[in-house]
Amino acid sequence: MELREYKSTDCEQMAQLFYNTVHSINVKDYTEEQLNAWATGSVDLQEWNHSFLNHKTVVAVEDDEVVGFGDIDQSGCLARLYVHINYQGMGITLKNYVMEKKTSSGFSDKSSGGNE
């Protein structure tokens, strides 16, 4: 598995991973209505790409498939952190890697919760 910087070509896979993760992992904690409001299946890819490019964004890739991603905004807050259902609990350590990148990039030292 490779942990690397975000590329614009990752955006579509990341949007699909976001939707699938919300609707599979979070199904035990939220109603279908809440899940559909959170992850509609239709994101503005141009807006997401812009956001990822302006954040410190890290992507976990296995066999050319995005299996996780996380990003830190300019204030140092964890914006998103999603891991494919088949890779949860396998030690990707994506959050730690994102936080290391935040520190090495000079982002502030704030953090917030997220989907691990």
PDB file of N, CA and C in Angstrom:
ATOM      1  N   MET A   1       0.840  -1.171   0.000  1.00  0.00           N
ATOM      2  CA  MET A   1       0.000   0.000   0.000  1.00  0.00           C
ATOM      3  C   MET A   1       0.887   1.237   0.000  1.00  0.00           C
ATOM      4  N   GLU A   2       0.458   2.227  -0.747  1.00  0.00           N
ATOM      5  CA  GLU A   2       1.211   3.472  -0.862  1.00  0.00           C
ATOM      6  C   GLU A   2       0.412   4.612  -0.242  1.00  0.00           C
ATOM      7  N   LEU A   3       1.064   5.427   0.578  1.00  0.00           N
ATOM      8  CA  LEU A   3       0.490   6.675   1.071  1.00  0.00           C
ATOM      9  C   LEU A   3       1.193   7.791   0.320  1.00  0.00           C
ATOM     10  N   ARG A   4       0.409   8.640  -0.337  1.00  0.00           N
ATOM     11  CA  ARG A   4       1.008   9.682  -1.165  1.00  0.00           C
ATOM     12  C   ARG A   4       0.143  10.934  -1.167  1.00  0.00           C
ATOM     13  N   GLU A   5       0.692  11.976  -1.769  1.00  0.00           N
ATOM     14  CA  GLU A   5      -0.028  13.232  -1.927  1.00  0.00           C
ATOM     15  C   GLU A   5      -1.196  13.042  -2.906  1.00  0.00           C
ATOM     16  N   TYR A   6      -2.213  13.859  -2.733  1.00  0.00           N
ATOM     17  CA  TYR A   6      -3.391  13.854  -3.598  1.00  0.00           C
ATOM     18  C   TYR A   6      -3.044  14.293  -5.016  1.00  0.00           C
ATOM     19  N   LYS A   7      -3.705  13.666  -5.992  1.00  0.00           N
ATOM     20  CA  LYS A   7      -3.661  14.071  -7.397  1.00  0.00           C
ATOM     21  C   LYS A   7      -5.098  14.309  -7.844  1.00  0.00           C
ATOM     22  N   SER A   8      -5.309  15.270  -8.717  1.00  0.00           N
ATOM     23  CA  SER A   8      -6.660  15.580  -9.195  1.00  0.00           C
ATOM     24  C   SER A   8      -7.354  14.363  -9.789  1.00  0.00           C
ATOM     25  N   THR A   9      -6.595  13.450 -10.343  1.00  0.00           N
ATOM     26  CA  THR A   9      -7.187  12.249 -10.938  1.00  0.00           C
ATOM     27  C   THR A   9      -7.766  11.300  -9.886  1.00  0.00           C
ATOM     28  N   ASP A  10      -7.482  11.544  -8.598  1.00  0.00           N
ATOM     29  CA  ASP A  10      -8.022  10.723  -7.508  1.00  0.00           C
ATOM     30  C   ASP A  10      -9.446  11.113  -7.123  1.00  0.00           C
ATOM     31  N   CYS A  11      -9.869  12.293  -7.488  1.00  0.00           N
ATOM     32  CA  CYS A  11     -11.084  12.883  -6.934  1.00  0.00           C
ATOM     33  C   CYS A  11     -12.331  12.018  -7.124  1.00  0.00           C
ATOM     34  N   GLU A  12     -12.527  11.487  -8.304  1.00  0.00           N
ATOM     35  CA  GLU A  12     -13.726  10.687  -8.556  1.00  0.00           C
ATOM     36  C   GLU A  12     -13.757   9.431  -7.681  1.00  0.00           C
ATOM     37  N   GLN A  13     -12.630   8.744  -7.571  1.00  0.00           N
ATOM     38  CA  GLN A  13     -12.566   7.557  -6.702  1.00  0.00           C
ATOM     39  C   GLN A  13     -12.804   7.935  -5.240  1.00  0.00           C
ATOM     40  N   MET A  14     -12.300   9.087  -4.832  1.00  0.00           N
ATOM     41  CA  MET A  14     -12.472   9.533  -3.450  1.00  0.00           C
ATOM     42  C   MET A  14     -13.935   9.857  -3.154  1.00  0.00           C
ATOM     43  N   ALA A  15     -14.620  10.446  -4.116  1.00  0.00           N
ATOM     44  CA  ALA A  15     -16.046  10.740  -3.935  1.00  0.00           C
ATOM     45  C   ALA A  15     -16.839   9.444  -3.791  1.00  0.00           C
ATOM     46  N   GLN A  16     -16.505   8.444  -4.585  1.00  0.00           N
ATOM     47  CA  GLN A  16     -17.183   7.152  -4.496  1.00  0.00           C
ATOM     48  C   GLN A  16     -16.863   6.458  -3.177  1.00  0.00           C
ATOM     49  N   LEU A  17     -15.603   6.532  -2.751  1.00  0.00           N
ATOM     50  CA  LEU A  17     -15.197   5.954  -1.470  1.00  0.00           C
ATOM     51  C   LEU A  17     -15.944   6.627  -0.320  1.00  0.00           C
ATOM     52  N   PHE A  18     -16.070   7.940  -0.360  1.00  0.00           N
ATOM     53  CA  PHE A  18     -16.817   8.687   0.653  1.00  0.00           C
ATOM     54  C   PHE A  18     -18.244   8.160   0.753  1.00  0.00           C
ATOM     55  N   TYR A  19     -18.926   8.080  -0.389  1.00  0.00           N
ATOM     56  CA  TYR A  19     -20.316   7.611  -0.399  1.00  0.00           C
ATOM     57  C   TYR A  19     -20.413   6.183   0.147  1.00  0.00           C
ATOM     58  N   ASN A  20     -19.586   5.296  -0.372  1.00  0.00           N
ATOM     59  CA  ASN A  20     -19.631   3.889   0.047  1.00  0.00           C
ATOM     60  C   ASN A  20     -19.312   3.723   1.526  1.00  0.00           C
ATOM     61  N   THR A  21     -18.347   4.469   2.024  1.00  0.00           N
ATOM     62  CA  THR A  21     -17.971   4.363   3.434  1.00  0.00           C
ATOM     63  C   THR A  21     -19.097   4.835   4.337  1.00  0.00           C
ATOM     64  N   VAL A  22     -19.663   5.979   4.028  1.00  0.00           N
ATOM     65  CA  VAL A  22     -20.774   6.494   4.844  1.00  0.00           C
ATOM     66  C   VAL A  22     -21.923   5.501   4.863  1.00  0.00           C
ATOM     67  N   HIS A  23     -22.263   4.942   3.699  1.00  0.00           N
ATOM     68  CA  HIS A  23     -23.429   4.061   3.593  1.00  0.00           C
ATOM     69  C   HIS A  23     -23.156   2.620   4.031  1.00  0.00           C
ATOM     70  N   SER A  24     -21.905   2.269   4.304  1.00  0.00           N
ATOM     71  CA  SER A  24     -21.635   0.919   4.811  1.00  0.00           C
ATOM     72  C   SER A  24     -21.183   0.946   6.271  1.00  0.00           C
ATOM     73  N   ILE A  25     -20.243   1.778   6.597  1.00  0.00           N
ATOM     74  CA  ILE A  25     -19.700   1.833   7.957  1.00  0.00           C
ATOM     75  C   ILE A  25     -20.667   2.501   8.925  1.00  0.00           C
ATOM     76  N   ASN A  26     -21.282   3.579   8.509  1.00  0.00           N
ATOM     77  CA  ASN A  26     -22.105   4.379   9.418  1.00  0.00           C
ATOM     78  C   ASN A  26     -23.559   3.938   9.487  1.00  0.00           C
ATOM     79  N   VAL A  27     -23.914   2.883   8.777  1.00  0.00           N
ATOM     80  CA  VAL A  27     -25.298   2.418   8.731  1.00  0.00           C
ATOM     81  C   VAL A  27     -25.805   1.978  10.105  1.00  0.00           C
ATOM     82  N   LYS A  28     -24.916   1.544  10.973  1.00  0.00           N
ATOM     83  CA  LYS A  28     -25.343   1.082  12.296  1.00  0.00           C
ATOM     84  C   LYS A  28     -25.665   2.234  13.246  1.00  0.00           C
ATOM     85  N   ASP A  29     -25.206   3.439  12.925  1.00  0.00           N
ATOM     86  CA  ASP A  29     -25.371   4.575  13.826  1.00  0.00           C
ATOM     87  C   ASP A  29     -26.345   5.646  13.337  1.00  0.00           C
ATOM     88  N   TYR A  30     -26.751   5.575  12.082  1.00  0.00           N
ATOM     89  CA  TYR A  30     -27.591   6.618  11.503  1.00  0.00           C
ATOM     90  C   TYR A  30     -28.746   6.003  10.724  1.00  0.00           C
ATOM     91  N   THR A  31     -29.817   6.764  10.598  1.00  0.00           N
ATOM     92  CA  THR A  31     -30.955   6.316   9.795  1.00  0.00           C
ATOM     93  C   THR A  31     -30.608   6.470   8.314  1.00  0.00           C
ATOM     94  N   GLU A  32     -31.370   5.805   7.473  1.00  0.00           N
ATOM     95  CA  GLU A  32     -31.155   5.924   6.029  1.00  0.00           C
ATOM     96  C   GLU A  32     -31.312   7.375   5.579  1.00  0.00           C
ATOM     97  N   GLU A  33     -32.276   8.064   6.160  1.00  0.00           N
ATOM     98  CA  GLU A  33     -32.497   9.476   5.823  1.00  0.00           C
ATOM     99  C   GLU A  33     -31.255  10.316   6.168  1.00  0.00           C
ATOM    100  N   GLN A  34     -30.671  10.068   7.334  1.00  0.00           N
ATOM    101  CA  GLN A  34     -29.469  10.803   7.736  1.00  0.00           C
ATOM    102  C   GLN A  34     -28.290  10.479   6.816  1.00  0.00           C
ATOM    103  N   LEU A  35     -28.128   9.204   6.475  1.00  0.00           N
ATOM    104  CA  LEU A  35     -27.041   8.800   5.578  1.00  0.00           C
ATOM    105  C   LEU A  35     -27.183   9.461   4.214  1.00  0.00           C
ATOM    106  N   ASN A  36     -28.416   9.494   3.704  1.00  0.00           N
ATOM    107  CA  ASN A  36     -28.660  10.102   2.398  1.00  0.00           C
ATOM    108  C   ASN A  36     -28.427  11.606   2.409  1.00  0.00           C
ATOM    109  N   ALA A  37     -28.684  12.252   3.547  1.00  0.00           N
ATOM    110  CA  ALA A  37     -28.420  13.686   3.662  1.00  0.00           C
ATOM    111  C   ALA A  37     -26.911  13.951   3.728  1.00  0.00           C
ATOM    112  N   TRP A  38     -26.191  13.074   4.410  1.00  0.00           N
ATOM    113  CA  TRP A  38     -24.748  13.211   4.591  1.00  0.00           C
ATOM    114  C   TRP A  38     -24.002  12.920   3.293  1.00  0.00           C
ATOM    115  N   ALA A  39     -24.366  11.828   2.646  1.00  0.00           N
ATOM    116  CA  ALA A  39     -23.688  11.394   1.424  1.00  0.00           C
ATOM    117  C   ALA A  39     -24.747  11.080   0.380  1.00  0.00           C
ATOM    118  N   THR A  40     -24.997  12.045  -0.480  1.00  0.00           N
ATOM    119  CA  THR A  40     -26.072  11.925  -1.468  1.00  0.00           C
ATOM    120  C   THR A  40     -25.690  11.075  -2.669  1.00  0.00           C
ATOM    121  N   GLY A  41     -24.402  10.877  -2.889  1.00  0.00           N
ATOM    122  CA  GLY A  41     -23.948  10.167  -4.081  1.00  0.00           C
ATOM    123  C   GLY A  41     -23.640  11.117  -5.216  1.00  0.00           C
ATOM    124  N   SER A  42     -23.854  12.395  -4.965  1.00  0.00           N
ATOM    125  CA  SER A  42     -23.590  13.404  -5.983  1.00  0.00           C
ATOM    126  C   SER A  42     -22.825  14.557  -5.344  1.00  0.00           C
ATOM    127  N   VAL A  43     -21.512  14.577  -5.545  1.00  0.00           N
ATOM    128  CA  VAL A  43     -20.707  15.682  -5.040  1.00  0.00           C
ATOM    129  C   VAL A  43     -20.218  16.508  -6.222  1.00  0.00           C
ATOM    130  N   ASP A  44     -19.940  17.752  -5.972  1.00  0.00           N
ATOM    131  CA  ASP A  44     -19.374  18.630  -6.989  1.00  0.00           C
ATOM    132  C   ASP A  44     -17.879  18.314  -7.070  1.00  0.00           C
ATOM    133  N   LEU A  45     -17.499  17.530  -8.063  1.00  0.00           N
ATOM    134  CA  LEU A  45     -16.109  17.083  -8.177  1.00  0.00           C
ATOM    135  C   LEU A  45     -15.146  18.250  -8.342  1.00  0.00           C
ATOM    136  N   GLN A  46     -15.570  19.285  -9.036  1.00  0.00           N
ATOM    137  CA  GLN A  46     -14.708  20.455  -9.213  1.00  0.00           C
ATOM    138  C   GLN A  46     -14.462  21.139  -7.865  1.00  0.00           C
ATOM    139  N   GLU A  47     -15.507  21.259  -7.064  1.00  0.00           N
ATOM    140  CA  GLU A  47     -15.378  21.860  -5.733  1.00  0.00           C
ATOM    141  C   GLU A  47     -14.510  20.988  -4.820  1.00  0.00           C
ATOM    142  N   TRP A  48     -14.754  19.673  -4.851  1.00  0.00           N
ATOM    143  CA  TRP A  48     -13.946  18.764  -4.033  1.00  0.00           C
ATOM    144  C   TRP A  48     -12.479  18.830  -4.446  1.00  0.00           C
ATOM    145  N   ASN A  49     -12.208  18.801  -5.736  1.00  0.00           N
ATOM    146  CA  ASN A  49     -10.835  18.870  -6.227  1.00  0.00           C
ATOM    147  C   ASN A  49     -10.159  20.145  -5.724  1.00  0.00           C
ATOM    148  N   HIS A  50     -10.846  21.262  -5.846  1.00  0.00           N
ATOM    149  CA  HIS A  50     -10.306  22.541  -5.381  1.00  0.00           C
ATOM    150  C   HIS A  50      -9.990  22.468  -3.889  1.00  0.00           C
ATOM    151  N   SER A  51     -10.896  21.903  -3.123  1.00  0.00           N
ATOM    152  CA  SER A  51     -10.709  21.761  -1.679  1.00  0.00           C
ATOM    153  C   SER A  51      -9.493  20.885  -1.372  1.00  0.00           C
ATOM    154  N   PHE A  52      -9.395  19.740  -2.020  1.00  0.00           N
ATOM    155  CA  PHE A  52      -8.267  18.836  -1.776  1.00  0.00           C
ATOM    156  C   PHE A  52      -6.934  19.477  -2.159  1.00  0.00           C
ATOM    157  N   LEU A  53      -6.929  20.241  -3.247  1.00  0.00           N
ATOM    158  CA  LEU A  53      -5.699  20.903  -3.678  1.00  0.00           C
ATOM    159  C   LEU A  53      -5.278  22.001  -2.710  1.00  0.00           C
ATOM    160  N   ASN A  54      -6.239  22.638  -2.052  1.00  0.00           N
ATOM    161  CA  ASN A  54      -5.943  23.711  -1.108  1.00  0.00           C
ATOM    162  C   ASN A  54      -5.696  23.214   0.311  1.00  0.00           C
ATOM    163  N   HIS A  55      -5.954  21.954   0.549  1.00  0.00           N
ATOM    164  CA  HIS A  55      -5.691  21.334   1.843  1.00  0.00           C
ATOM    165  C   HIS A  55      -4.448  20.468   1.718  1.00  0.00           C
ATOM    166  N   LYS A  56      -3.970  19.994   2.839  1.00  0.00           N
ATOM    167  CA  LYS A  56      -2.916  18.977   2.837  1.00  0.00           C
ATOM    168  C   LYS A  56      -3.653  17.648   2.765  1.00  0.00           C
ATOM    169  N   THR A  57      -3.634  17.011   1.607  1.00  0.00           N
ATOM    170  CA  THR A  57      -4.435  15.815   1.363  1.00  0.00           C
ATOM    171  C   THR A  57      -3.533  14.619   1.080  1.00  0.00           C
ATOM    172  N   VAL A  58      -3.813  13.534   1.781  1.00  0.00           N
ATOM    173  CA  VAL A  58      -3.052  12.298   1.640  1.00  0.00           C
ATOM    174  C   VAL A  58      -4.005  11.190   1.199  1.00  0.00           C
ATOM    175  N   VAL A  59      -3.525  10.348   0.295  1.00  0.00           N
ATOM    176  CA  VAL A  59      -4.334   9.275  -0.271  1.00  0.00           C
ATOM    177  C   VAL A  59      -3.621   7.938  -0.046  1.00  0.00           C
ATOM    178  N   ALA A  60      -4.377   6.927   0.385  1.00  0.00           N
ATOM    179  CA  ALA A  60      -3.864   5.561   0.500  1.00  0.00           C
ATOM    180  C   ALA A  60      -4.316   4.806  -0.744  1.00  0.00           C
ATOM    181  N   VAL A  61      -3.363   4.188  -1.440  1.00  0.00           N
ATOM    182  CA  VAL A  61      -3.650   3.511  -2.706  1.00  0.00           C
ATOM    183  C   VAL A  61      -3.138   2.075  -2.644  1.00  0.00           C
ATOM    184  N   GLU A  62      -3.965   1.154  -3.113  1.00  0.00           N
ATOM    185  CA  GLU A  62      -3.600  -0.260  -3.219  1.00  0.00           C
ATOM    186  C   GLU A  62      -4.001  -0.734  -4.609  1.00  0.00           C
ATOM    187  N   ASP A  63      -3.039  -1.200  -5.396  1.00  0.00           N
ATOM    188  CA  ASP A  63      -3.313  -1.675  -6.761  1.00  0.00           C
ATOM    189  C   ASP A  63      -4.103  -0.649  -7.567  1.00  0.00           C
ATOM    190  N   ASP A  64      -3.673   0.590  -7.546  1.00  0.00           N
ATOM    191  CA  ASP A  64      -4.281   1.706  -8.286  1.00  0.00           C
ATOM    192  C   ASP A  64      -5.689   2.065  -7.823  1.00  0.00           C
ATOM    193  N   GLU A  65      -6.116   1.550  -6.685  1.00  0.00           N
ATOM    194  CA  GLU A  65      -7.431   1.877  -6.129  1.00  0.00           C
ATOM    195  C   GLU A  65      -7.244   2.709  -4.867  1.00  0.00           C
ATOM    196  N   VAL A  66      -7.979   3.827  -4.786  1.00  0.00           N
ATOM    197  CA  VAL A  66      -7.958   4.643  -3.578  1.00  0.00           C
ATOM    198  C   VAL A  66      -8.712   3.882  -2.493  1.00  0.00           C
ATOM    199  N   VAL A  67      -8.019   3.570  -1.394  1.00  0.00           N
ATOM    200  CA  VAL A  67      -8.638   2.819  -0.301  1.00  0.00           C
ATOM    201  C   VAL A  67      -8.766   3.661   0.968  1.00  0.00           C
ATOM    202  N   GLY A  68      -8.312   4.894   0.899  1.00  0.00           N
ATOM    203  CA  GLY A  68      -8.460   5.800   2.030  1.00  0.00           C
ATOM    204  C   GLY A  68      -7.939   7.172   1.674  1.00  0.00           C
ATOM    205  N   PHE A  69      -8.425   8.174   2.405  1.00  0.00           N
ATOM    206  CA  PHE A  69      -7.911   9.525   2.221  1.00  0.00           C
ATOM    207  C   PHE A  69      -8.225  10.365   3.444  1.00  0.00           C
ATOM    208  N   GLY A  70      -7.426  11.397   3.604  1.00  0.00           N
ATOM    209  CA  GLY A  70      -7.647  12.351   4.676  1.00  0.00           C
ATOM    210  C   GLY A  70      -7.080  13.691   4.272  1.00  0.00           C
ATOM    211  N   ASP A  71      -7.688  14.762   4.786  1.00  0.00           N
ATOM    212  CA  ASP A  71      -7.168  16.088   4.481  1.00  0.00           C
ATOM    213  C   ASP A  71      -7.292  17.019   5.675  1.00  0.00           C
ATOM    214  N   ILE A  72      -6.327  17.934   5.744  1.00  0.00           N
ATOM    215  CA  ILE A  72      -6.234  18.941   6.795  1.00  0.00           C
ATOM    216  C   ILE A  72      -6.411  20.300   6.128  1.00  0.00           C
ATOM    217  N   ASP A  73      -7.305  21.133   6.684  1.00  0.00           N
ATOM    218  CA  ASP A  73      -7.497  22.457   6.094  1.00  0.00           C
ATOM    219  C   ASP A  73      -6.398  23.416   6.553  1.00  0.00           C
ATOM    220  N   GLN A  74      -6.438  24.653   6.033  1.00  0.00           N
ATOM    221  CA  GLN A  74      -5.389  25.633   6.316  1.00  0.00           C
ATOM    222  C   GLN A  74      -5.282  25.996   7.794  1.00  0.00           C
ATOM    223  N   SER A  75      -6.365  25.823   8.551  1.00  0.00           N
ATOM    224  CA  SER A  75      -6.318  26.138   9.983  1.00  0.00           C
ATOM    225  C   SER A  75      -5.763  24.968  10.800  1.00  0.00           C
ATOM    226  N   GLY A  76      -5.510  23.836  10.131  1.00  0.00           N
ATOM    227  CA  GLY A  76      -4.961  22.672  10.811  1.00  0.00           C
ATOM    228  C   GLY A  76      -6.001  21.681  11.284  1.00  0.00           C
ATOM    229  N   CYS A  77      -7.267  21.909  10.935  1.00  0.00           N
ATOM    230  CA  CYS A  77      -8.341  20.994  11.345  1.00  0.00           C
ATOM    231  C   CYS A  77      -8.469  19.837  10.362  1.00  0.00           C
ATOM    232  N   LEU A  78      -8.669  18.653  10.901  1.00  0.00           N
ATOM    233  CA  LEU A  78      -8.923  17.480  10.078  1.00  0.00           C
ATOM    234  C   LEU A  78     -10.280  17.659   9.416  1.00  0.00           C
ATOM    235  N   ALA A  79     -10.297  17.747   8.102  1.00  0.00           N
ATOM    236  CA  ALA A  79     -11.536  17.996   7.368  1.00  0.00           C
ATOM    237  C   ALA A  79     -12.274  16.697   7.054  1.00  0.00           C
ATOM    238  N   ARG A  80     -11.559  15.725   6.509  1.00  0.00           N
ATOM    239  CA  ARG A  80     -12.157  14.443   6.121  1.00  0.00           C
ATOM    240  C   ARG A  80     -11.152  13.340   6.376  1.00  0.00           C
ATOM    241  N   LEU A  81     -11.685  12.164   6.736  1.00  0.00           N
ATOM    242  CA  LEU A  81     -10.850  10.974   6.902  1.00  0.00           C
ATOM    243  C   LEU A  81     -11.738   9.763   6.664  1.00  0.00           C
ATOM    244  N   TYR A  82     -11.532   9.086   5.553  1.00  0.00           N
ATOM    245  CA  TYR A  82     -12.364   7.947   5.174  1.00  0.00           C
ATOM    246  C   TYR A  82     -11.480   6.797   4.711  1.00  0.00           C
ATOM    247  N   VAL A  83     -11.838   5.592   5.147  1.00  0.00           N
ATOM    248  CA  VAL A  83     -11.103   4.384   4.779  1.00  0.00           C
ATOM    249  C   VAL A  83     -12.109   3.353   4.272  1.00  0.00           C
ATOM    250  N   HIS A  84     -11.772   2.712   3.174  1.00  0.00           N
ATOM    251  CA  HIS A  84     -12.602   1.675   2.559  1.00  0.00           C
ATOM    252  C   HIS A  84     -12.966   0.618   3.600  1.00  0.00           C
ATOM    253  N   ILE A  85     -14.180   0.104   3.525  1.00  0.00           N
ATOM    254  CA  ILE A  85     -14.668  -0.880   4.498  1.00  0.00           C
ATOM    255  C   ILE A  85     -13.743  -2.088   4.613  1.00  0.00           C
ATOM    256  N   ASN A  86     -13.150  -2.529   3.512  1.00  0.00           N
ATOM    257  CA  ASN A  86     -12.280  -3.705   3.541  1.00  0.00           C
ATOM    258  C   ASN A  86     -10.893  -3.423   4.115  1.00  0.00           C
ATOM    259  N   TYR A  87     -10.589  -2.155   4.381  1.00  0.00           N
ATOM    260  CA  TYR A  87      -9.278  -1.781   4.906  1.00  0.00           C
ATOM    261  C   TYR A  87      -9.354  -1.188   6.306  1.00  0.00           C
ATOM    262  N   GLN A  88     -10.543  -1.147   6.887  1.00  0.00           N
ATOM    263  CA  GLN A  88     -10.694  -0.605   8.237  1.00  0.00           C
ATOM    264  C   GLN A  88     -10.056  -1.559   9.236  1.00  0.00           C
ATOM    265  N   GLY A  89      -9.321  -0.998  10.185  1.00  0.00           N
ATOM    266  CA  GLY A  89      -8.699  -1.798  11.232  1.00  0.00           C
ATOM    267  C   GLY A  89      -7.469  -2.573  10.792  1.00  0.00           C
ATOM    268  N   MET A  90      -6.946  -2.275   9.608  1.00  0.00           N
ATOM    269  CA  MET A  90      -5.794  -3.016   9.086  1.00  0.00           C
ATOM    270  C   MET A  90      -4.477  -2.274   9.274  1.00  0.00           C
ATOM    271  N   GLY A  91      -4.509  -1.167   9.989  1.00  0.00           N
ATOM    272  CA  GLY A  91      -3.267  -0.463  10.282  1.00  0.00           C
ATOM    273  C   GLY A  91      -2.776   0.458   9.192  1.00  0.00           C
ATOM    274  N   ILE A  92      -3.671   1.010   8.398  1.00  0.00           N
ATOM    275  CA  ILE A  92      -3.258   1.967   7.374  1.00  0.00           C
ATOM    276  C   ILE A  92      -2.577   3.170   8.025  1.00  0.00           C
ATOM    277  N   THR A  93      -2.987   3.512   9.223  1.00  0.00           N
ATOM    278  CA  THR A  93      -2.473   4.659   9.984  1.00  0.00           C
ATOM    279  C   THR A  93      -2.558   5.964   9.207  1.00  0.00           C
ATOM    280  N   LEU A  94      -3.602   6.098   8.436  1.00  0.00           N
ATOM    281  CA  LEU A  94      -3.786   7.279   7.605  1.00  0.00           C
ATOM    282  C   LEU A  94      -3.860   8.552   8.438  1.00  0.00           C
ATOM    283  N   LYS A  95      -4.572   8.510   9.556  1.00  0.00           N
ATOM    284  CA  LYS A  95      -4.696   9.718  10.382  1.00  0.00           C
ATOM    285  C   LYS A  95      -3.324  10.177  10.869  1.00  0.00           C
ATOM    286  N   ASN A  96      -2.493   9.249  11.336  1.00  0.00           N
ATOM    287  CA  ASN A  96      -1.153   9.620  11.804  1.00  0.00           C
ATOM    288  C   ASN A  96      -0.331  10.239  10.687  1.00  0.00           C
ATOM    289  N   TYR A  97      -0.420   9.671   9.496  1.00  0.00           N
ATOM    290  CA  TYR A  97       0.337  10.181   8.357  1.00  0.00           C
ATOM    291  C   TYR A  97      -0.130  11.580   7.985  1.00  0.00           C
ATOM    292  N   VAL A  98      -1.445  11.788   7.967  1.00  0.00           N
ATOM    293  CA  VAL A  98      -1.995  13.108   7.652  1.00  0.00           C
ATOM    294  C   VAL A  98      -1.505  14.124   8.681  1.00  0.00           C
ATOM    295  N   MET A  99      -1.549  13.757   9.949  1.00  0.00           N
ATOM    296  CA  MET A  99      -1.124  14.675  11.000  1.00  0.00           C
ATOM    297  C   MET A  99       0.377  14.979  10.898  1.00  0.00           C
ATOM    298  N   GLU A 100       1.187  14.007  10.528  1.00  0.00           N
ATOM    299  CA  GLU A 100       2.617  14.245  10.322  1.00  0.00           C
ATOM    300  C   GLU A 100       2.835  15.228   9.181  1.00  0.00           C
ATOM    301  N   LYS A 101       2.093  15.057   8.100  1.00  0.00           N
ATOM    302  CA  LYS A 101       2.212  15.951   6.949  1.00  0.00           C
ATOM    303  C   LYS A 101       1.797  17.362   7.332  1.00  0.00           C
ATOM    304  N   LYS A 102       0.778  17.463   8.177  1.00  0.00           N
ATOM    305  CA  LYS A 102       0.311  18.768   8.638  1.00  0.00           C
ATOM    306  C   LYS A 102       1.446  19.485   9.355  1.00  0.00           C
ATOM    307  N   THR A 103       2.090  18.805  10.257  1.00  0.00           N
ATOM    308  CA  THR A 103       3.160  19.398  11.052  1.00  0.00           C
ATOM    309  C   THR A 103       4.348  19.784  10.176  1.00  0.00           C
ATOM    310  N   SER A 104       4.732  18.901   9.268  1.00  0.00           N
ATOM    311  CA  SER A 104       5.890  19.174   8.417  1.00  0.00           C
ATOM    312  C   SER A 104       5.612  20.250   7.378  1.00  0.00           C
ATOM    313  N   SER A 105       4.336  20.570   7.147  1.00  0.00           N
ATOM    314  CA  SER A 105       3.974  21.584   6.161  1.00  0.00           C
ATOM    315  C   SER A 105       3.740  22.948   6.789  1.00  0.00           C
ATOM    316  N   GLY A 106       3.890  23.039   8.103  1.00  0.00           N
ATOM    317  CA  GLY A 106       3.717  24.319   8.760  1.00  0.00           C
ATOM    318  C   GLY A 106       2.281  24.693   9.055  1.00  0.00           C
ATOM    319  N   PHE A 107       1.359  23.745   8.983  1.00  0.00           N
ATOM    320  CA  PHE A 107      -0.024  24.014   9.338  1.00  0.00           C
ATOM    321  C   PHE A 107      -0.102  24.170  10.847  1.00  0.00           C
ATOM    322  N   SER A 108      -1.121  24.878  11.324  1.00  0.00           N
ATOM    323  CA  SER A 108      -1.256  25.070  12.767  1.00  0.00           C
ATOM    324  C   SER A 108      -1.546  23.746  13.454  1.00  0.00           C
ATOM    325  N   ASP A 109      -1.509  23.742  14.768  1.00  0.00           N
ATOM    326  CA  ASP A 109      -1.621  22.504  15.534  1.00  0.00           C
ATOM    327  C   ASP A 109      -3.011  22.299  16.109  1.00  0.00           C
ATOM    328  N   LYS A 110      -4.038  22.491  15.319  1.00  0.00           N
ATOM    329  CA  LYS A 110      -5.409  22.209  15.737  1.00  0.00           C
ATOM    330  C   LYS A 110      -5.803  20.880  15.122  1.00  0.00           C
ATOM    331  N   SER A 111      -6.759  20.229  15.716  1.00  0.00           N
ATOM    332  CA  SER A 111      -7.304  19.015  15.104  1.00  0.00           C
ATOM    333  C   SER A 111      -8.746  18.884  15.510  1.00  0.00           C
ATOM    334  N   SER A 112      -9.483  18.111  14.750  1.00  0.00           N
ATOM    335  CA  SER A 112     -10.888  17.873  15.062  1.00  0.00           C
ATOM    336  C   SER A 112     -11.191  16.419  14.814  1.00  0.00           C
ATOM    337  N   GLY A 113     -12.372  16.004  15.206  1.00  0.00           N
ATOM    338  CA  GLY A 113     -12.776  14.624  14.990  1.00  0.00           C
ATOM    339  C   GLY A 113     -12.978  14.341  13.526  1.00  0.00           C
ATOM    340  N   GLY A 114     -13.121  13.083  13.216  1.00  0.00           N
ATOM    341  CA  GLY A 114     -13.359  12.685  11.842  1.00  0.00           C
ATOM    342  C   GLY A 114     -13.712  11.228  11.784  1.00  0.00           C
ATOM    343  N   ASN A 115     -14.009  10.747  10.619  1.00  0.00           N
ATOM    344  CA  ASN A 115     -14.345   9.345  10.411  1.00  0.00           C
ATOM    345  C   ASN A 115     -13.049   8.577  10.250  1.00  0.00           C
ATOM    346  N   GLU A 116     -12.719   7.761  11.209  1.00  0.00           N
ATOM    347  CA  GLU A 116     -11.477   6.987  11.133  1.00  0.00           C
ATOM    348  C   GLU A 116     -11.802   5.640  10.616  1.00  0.00           C
TER     349      GLU A 116
END
